[in-house]
């Protein structure tokens, strides 16, 4: 009987627990809004860098992502606002997963 060694490549993923816990509605709104705003600002800076390099270059993809994030922020704020009247706290669990692009 012949034994063959099979080599498998395991994809390494780094996980970062960014947010985890129970928060008041005000705290939750602050956390969620700030996280989304940071991502929006990141894309706005990217758009500005693209524009500075070439004033005629399209930025539709970045514009669309900014718009999506603005909508998500509005949805999150409305959801948190709807729970505020109940007097309940909220839990937030936000994990970043980072892995290499194949």
Protein backbone atom coordinates (compact mmCIF):
# COMPACT_ATOMS: atom_id res chain seq x y z
CA UNK A 1 0.00 0.00 0.00
CA UNK A 2 1.36 3.39 -0.99
CA UNK A 3 0.83 6.39 1.26
CA UNK A 4 0.58 9.79 -0.35
CA UNK A 5 0.83 13.02 1.48
CA UNK A 6 -1.77 15.49 0.44
CA UNK A 7 -0.82 19.07 1.07
CA UNK A 8 -3.66 21.35 1.90
CA UNK A 9 -3.37 25.07 2.06
CA UNK A 10 -5.28 26.55 4.92
CA UNK A 11 -6.51 30.07 4.47
CA UNK A 12 -5.52 32.18 7.42
CA UNK A 13 -8.10 34.64 8.60
CA UNK A 14 -7.55 37.26 11.24
CA UNK A 15 -10.56 38.13 13.35
CA UNK A 16 -10.83 41.30 15.38
CA UNK A 17 -13.64 41.73 17.88
CA UNK A 18 -14.32 45.41 17.25
CA UNK A 19 -17.51 45.85 19.25
CA UNK A 20 -19.16 43.49 21.69
CA UNK A 21 -21.48 44.31 24.52
CA UNK A 22 -24.71 45.71 25.82
CA UNK A 23 -25.42 49.38 25.28
CA UNK A 24 -28.12 51.93 25.92
CA UNK A 25 -29.92 53.09 22.78
CA UNK A 26 -27.96 56.37 22.90
CA UNK A 27 -24.64 54.55 23.18
CA UNK A 28 -25.62 52.12 20.43
CA UNK A 29 -26.63 54.95 18.10
CA UNK A 30 -23.34 56.71 18.79
CA UNK A 31 -21.26 53.58 18.12
CA UNK A 32 -23.09 52.56 14.95
CA UNK A 33 -23.18 56.08 13.54
CA UNK A 34 -19.48 56.64 14.16
CA UNK A 35 -18.46 53.30 12.62
CA UNK A 36 -20.50 53.93 9.49
CA UNK A 37 -19.32 57.56 9.28
CA UNK A 38 -15.70 56.38 9.38
CA UNK A 39 -16.32 54.06 6.44
CA UNK A 40 -18.14 56.82 4.53
CA UNK A 41 -15.23 59.19 5.12
CA UNK A 42 -12.79 56.52 3.92
CA UNK A 43 -14.67 56.26 0.62
CA UNK A 44 -14.94 60.04 0.30
CA UNK A 45 -11.17 60.33 0.66
CA UNK A 46 -10.70 57.61 -1.95
CA UNK A 47 -13.03 59.50 -4.29
CA UNK A 48 -11.09 62.72 -3.74
CA UNK A 49 -7.79 60.97 -4.47
CA UNK A 50 -9.23 59.54 -7.69
CA UNK A 51 -10.53 62.96 -8.71
CA UNK A 52 -7.19 64.65 -7.93
CA UNK A 53 -5.43 62.13 -10.17
CA UNK A 54 -7.87 62.49 -13.06
CA UNK A 55 -10.74 65.00 -13.00
CA UNK A 56 -12.55 63.09 -15.75
CA UNK A 57 -12.42 59.65 -14.12
CA UNK A 58 -15.73 58.14 -13.05
CA UNK A 59 -16.32 57.60 -9.34
CA UNK A 60 -19.69 55.87 -9.67
CA UNK A 61 -18.62 52.81 -7.69
CA UNK A 62 -17.45 54.93 -4.76
CA UNK A 63 -20.50 57.18 -5.01
CA UNK A 64 -22.78 54.14 -4.91
CA UNK A 65 -21.02 52.69 -1.87
CA UNK A 66 -21.27 56.01 -0.02
CA UNK A 67 -24.99 56.14 -0.83
CA UNK A 68 -25.46 52.54 0.39
CA UNK A 69 -23.73 53.33 3.66
CA UNK A 70 -25.82 56.48 4.17
CA UNK A 71 -28.98 54.39 3.71
CA UNK A 72 -27.71 51.74 6.14
CA UNK A 73 -26.97 54.44 8.69
CA UNK A 74 -30.51 55.79 8.38
CA UNK A 75 -31.99 52.30 8.76
CA UNK A 76 -29.86 51.61 11.84
CA UNK A 77 -30.79 54.94 13.45
CA UNK A 78 -34.50 54.31 12.83
CA UNK A 79 -34.24 50.81 14.29
CA UNK A 80 -32.49 52.06 17.42
CA UNK A 81 -34.98 54.91 17.73
CA UNK A 82 -37.88 52.44 17.58
CA UNK A 83 -36.36 50.48 20.48
CA UNK A 84 -35.60 53.53 22.59
CA UNK A 85 -39.23 53.84 23.75
CA UNK A 86 -39.19 50.27 25.08
CA UNK A 87 -36.47 51.18 27.57
CA UNK A 88 -34.43 48.15 26.56
CA UNK A 89 -30.70 48.06 26.02
CA UNK A 90 -29.21 46.70 22.82
CA UNK A 91 -26.39 44.29 22.13
CA UNK A 92 -23.90 44.94 19.39
CA UNK A 93 -21.52 42.30 18.10
CA UNK A 94 -19.15 43.44 15.40
CA UNK A 95 -16.29 41.26 14.24
CA UNK A 96 -13.91 42.15 11.42
CA UNK A 97 -12.59 39.23 9.39
CA UNK A 98 -9.40 39.90 7.47
CA UNK A 99 -7.99 37.43 4.94
CA UNK A 100 -5.70 37.48 1.95
CA UNK A 101 -7.20 37.91 -1.51
CA UNK A 102 -6.68 34.87 -3.71
